[in-house]
Amino acid sequence: MKLAVMVYRATSRFPRQEIYGLTAQVRKSAVSIPSNIAEGAARNSARELHHFFGVSAGSLAEVETQLELAAQLEYAERDAAIGQQAQKVGMLLTGLRRSCAARTDSI
């Protein structure tokens, strides 16, 4: 959730013409990360949860790519705090995926 809030704040400074383009896309990707974790947790099996952790990891990769594009387009400076938070989320997702995979292997 913290990463999504940080992305929303950072994208509020993107050019107005990007409101339906890159701004919307990076925000959607950022919101998708915790949303897919929540959806996976509400499912009925560890296999489904593991799948949704994977979807969240994909959304994280999208956020990182889109923010890099925004920096190259000079819509925003590279934000070290967002980068650190994204790295932390990535590490947490990796740990969750490994833990969940271990549980699904034992089923």
C-alpha atoms as a PDB file:
ATOM      1  CA  MET A   1       0.000   0.000   0.000  1.00  0.00           C
ATOM      2  CA  LYS A   2       2.827   2.389   0.843  1.00  0.00           C
ATOM      3  CA  LEU A   3       4.312   2.036  -2.638  1.00  0.00           C
ATOM      4  CA  ALA A   4       0.930   2.767  -4.251  1.00  0.00           C
ATOM      5  CA  VAL A   5       0.559   5.935  -2.169  1.00  0.00           C
ATOM      6  CA  MET A   6       4.071   7.026  -3.126  1.00  0.00           C
ATOM      7  CA  VAL A   7       3.333   6.401  -6.821  1.00  0.00           C
ATOM      8  CA  TYR A   8       0.095   8.402  -6.645  1.00  0.00           C
ATOM      9  CA  ARG A   9       1.930  11.329  -5.100  1.00  0.00           C
ATOM     10  CA  ALA A  10       4.763  11.179  -7.618  1.00  0.00           C
ATOM     11  CA  THR A  11       2.433  10.946 -10.609  1.00  0.00           C
ATOM     12  CA  SER A  12       0.394  13.932  -9.469  1.00  0.00           C
ATOM     13  CA  ARG A  13       3.229  16.018 -10.936  1.00  0.00           C
ATOM     14  CA  PHE A  14       3.186  14.330 -14.359  1.00  0.00           C
ATOM     15  CA  PRO A  15       2.074  16.481 -17.302  1.00  0.00           C
ATOM     16  CA  ARG A  16      -1.668  16.927 -17.601  1.00  0.00           C
ATOM     17  CA  GLN A  17      -1.717  15.382 -21.085  1.00  0.00           C
ATOM     18  CA  GLU A  18      -0.576  12.087 -19.509  1.00  0.00           C
ATOM     19  CA  ILE A  19      -3.601  11.782 -17.188  1.00  0.00           C
ATOM     20  CA  TYR A  20      -5.101   9.028 -19.359  1.00  0.00           C
ATOM     21  CA  GLY A  21      -1.755   7.653 -20.487  1.00  0.00           C
ATOM     22  CA  LEU A  22       1.293   6.968 -18.387  1.00  0.00           C
ATOM     23  CA  THR A  23      -0.176   8.465 -15.203  1.00  0.00           C
ATOM     24  CA  ALA A  24      -3.184   6.161 -15.291  1.00  0.00           C
ATOM     25  CA  GLN A  25      -1.101   3.136 -16.262  1.00  0.00           C
ATOM     26  CA  VAL A  26       1.512   3.442 -13.520  1.00  0.00           C
ATOM     27  CA  ARG A  27      -1.183   4.120 -10.919  1.00  0.00           C
ATOM     28  CA  LYS A  28      -3.162   1.075 -12.048  1.00  0.00           C
ATOM     29  CA  SER A  29      -0.045  -1.083 -11.847  1.00  0.00           C
ATOM     30  CA  ALA A  30       0.807   0.217  -8.372  1.00  0.00           C
ATOM     31  CA  VAL A  31      -2.710  -0.429  -7.052  1.00  0.00           C
ATOM     32  CA  SER A  32      -2.641  -3.889  -8.616  1.00  0.00           C
ATOM     33  CA  ILE A  33       0.175  -5.022  -6.315  1.00  0.00           C
ATOM     34  CA  PRO A  34      -1.681  -4.950  -2.961  1.00  0.00           C
ATOM     35  CA  SER A  35      -5.010  -5.687  -4.664  1.00  0.00           C
ATOM     36  CA  ASN A  36      -3.755  -8.995  -6.046  1.00  0.00           C
ATOM     37  CA  ILE A  37      -2.236  -9.937  -2.701  1.00  0.00           C
ATOM     38  CA  ALA A  38      -5.607  -9.302  -1.070  1.00  0.00           C
ATOM     39  CA  GLU A  39      -7.463 -11.250  -3.748  1.00  0.00           C
ATOM     40  CA  GLY A  40      -5.085 -14.179  -3.467  1.00  0.00           C
ATOM     41  CA  ALA A  41      -5.456 -14.220   0.318  1.00  0.00           C
ATOM     42  CA  ALA A  42      -9.236 -14.422  -0.081  1.00  0.00           C
ATOM     43  CA  ARG A  43      -9.015 -17.452  -2.379  1.00  0.00           C
ATOM     44  CA  ASN A  44      -9.439 -21.054  -1.350  1.00  0.00           C
ATOM     45  CA  SER A  45      -6.010 -22.546  -1.842  1.00  0.00           C
ATOM     46  CA  ALA A  46      -2.316 -21.958  -1.442  1.00  0.00           C
ATOM     47  CA  ARG A  47      -1.896 -22.560  -5.189  1.00  0.00           C
ATOM     48  CA  GLU A  48      -4.225 -19.669  -5.985  1.00  0.00           C
ATOM     49  CA  LEU A  49      -2.470 -17.460  -3.441  1.00  0.00           C
ATOM     50  CA  HIS A  50       0.871 -18.302  -5.036  1.00  0.00           C
ATOM     51  CA  HIS A  51      -0.544 -17.377  -8.455  1.00  0.00           C
ATOM     52  CA  PHE A  52      -1.687 -13.968  -7.224  1.00  0.00           C
ATOM     53  CA  PHE A  53       1.707 -13.309  -5.622  1.00  0.00           C
ATOM     54  CA  GLY A  54       3.125 -13.857  -9.109  1.00  0.00           C
ATOM     55  CA  VAL A  55       0.647 -11.412 -10.622  1.00  0.00           C
ATOM     56  CA  SER A  56       1.663  -8.860  -7.980  1.00  0.00           C
ATOM     57  CA  ALA A  57       5.328  -9.360  -8.854  1.00  0.00           C
ATOM     58  CA  GLY A  58       4.480  -8.701 -12.492  1.00  0.00           C
ATOM     59  CA  SER A  59       2.687  -5.498 -11.538  1.00  0.00           C
ATOM     60  CA  LEU A  60       5.728  -4.410  -9.542  1.00  0.00           C
ATOM     61  CA  ALA A  61       7.907  -4.904 -12.624  1.00  0.00           C
ATOM     62  CA  GLU A  62       5.435  -2.774 -14.598  1.00  0.00           C
ATOM     63  CA  VAL A  63       5.637   0.025 -12.009  1.00  0.00           C
ATOM     64  CA  GLU A  64       9.420   0.019 -12.106  1.00  0.00           C
ATOM     65  CA  THR A  65       9.455   0.072 -15.917  1.00  0.00           C
ATOM     66  CA  GLN A  66       6.846   2.835 -16.157  1.00  0.00           C
ATOM     67  CA  LEU A  67       8.629   5.004 -13.617  1.00  0.00           C
ATOM     68  CA  GLU A  68      11.875   4.569 -15.550  1.00  0.00           C
ATOM     69  CA  LEU A  69      10.060   5.645 -18.712  1.00  0.00           C
ATOM     70  CA  ALA A  70       8.683   8.690 -16.889  1.00  0.00           C
ATOM     71  CA  ALA A  71      12.202   9.608 -15.780  1.00  0.00           C
ATOM     72  CA  GLN A  72      13.548   9.241 -19.325  1.00  0.00           C
ATOM     73  CA  LEU A  73      10.710  11.426 -20.612  1.00  0.00           C
ATOM     74  CA  GLU A  74      11.628  13.921 -17.876  1.00  0.00           C
ATOM     75  CA  TYR A  75       8.150  13.809 -16.338  1.00  0.00           C
ATOM     76  CA  ALA A  76       9.745  13.213 -12.943  1.00  0.00           C
ATOM     77  CA  GLU A  77      13.138  12.740 -11.353  1.00  0.00           C
ATOM     78  CA  ARG A  78      14.166   9.259 -10.318  1.00  0.00           C
ATOM     79  CA  ASP A  79      12.936   8.973  -6.744  1.00  0.00           C
ATOM     80  CA  ALA A  80      15.283   6.996  -4.496  1.00  0.00           C
ATOM     81  CA  ALA A  81      12.578   6.517  -1.854  1.00  0.00           C
ATOM     82  CA  ILE A  82      10.208   4.962  -4.383  1.00  0.00           C
ATOM     83  CA  GLY A  83      13.036   2.789  -5.689  1.00  0.00           C
ATOM     84  CA  GLN A  84      13.845   1.589  -2.171  1.00  0.00           C
ATOM     85  CA  GLN A  85      10.186   0.883  -1.441  1.00  0.00           C
ATOM     86  CA  ALA A  86       9.827  -1.029  -4.713  1.00  0.00           C
ATOM     87  CA  GLN A  87      12.901  -3.077  -3.818  1.00  0.00           C
ATOM     88  CA  LYS A  88      11.445  -3.820  -0.388  1.00  0.00           C
ATOM     89  CA  VAL A  89       8.117  -4.882  -1.923  1.00  0.00           C
ATOM     90  CA  GLY A  90      10.008  -7.110  -4.352  1.00  0.00           C
ATOM     91  CA  MET A  91      11.902  -8.797  -1.532  1.00  0.00           C
ATOM     92  CA  LEU A  92       8.701  -9.320   0.449  1.00  0.00           C
ATOM     93  CA  LEU A  93       6.939 -10.787  -2.576  1.00  0.00           C
ATOM     94  CA  THR A  94       9.857 -13.120  -3.233  1.00  0.00           C
ATOM     95  CA  GLY A  95       9.700 -14.345   0.359  1.00  0.00           C
ATOM     96  CA  LEU A  96       5.940 -14.793   0.215  1.00  0.00           C
ATOM     97  CA  ARG A  97       6.165 -16.687  -3.069  1.00  0.00           C
ATOM     98  CA  ARG A  98       8.855 -19.011  -1.702  1.00  0.00           C
ATOM     99  CA  SER A  99       6.921 -19.654   1.487  1.00  0.00           C
ATOM    100  CA  CYS A 100       3.731 -20.282  -0.406  1.00  0.00           C
ATOM    101  CA  ALA A 101       5.483 -22.541  -2.932  1.00  0.00           C
ATOM    102  CA  ALA A 102       6.834 -24.639  -0.073  1.00  0.00           C
ATOM    103  CA  ARG A 103       3.282 -25.034   1.254  1.00  0.00           C
ATOM    104  CA  THR A 104       1.872 -25.982  -2.144  1.00  0.00           C
ATOM    105  CA  ASP A 105       4.620 -28.577  -2.650  1.00  0.00           C
ATOM    106  CA  SER A 106       3.607 -30.265   0.581  1.00  0.00           C
ATOM    107  CA  ILE A 107      -0.077 -30.461  -0.387  1.00  0.00           C
END
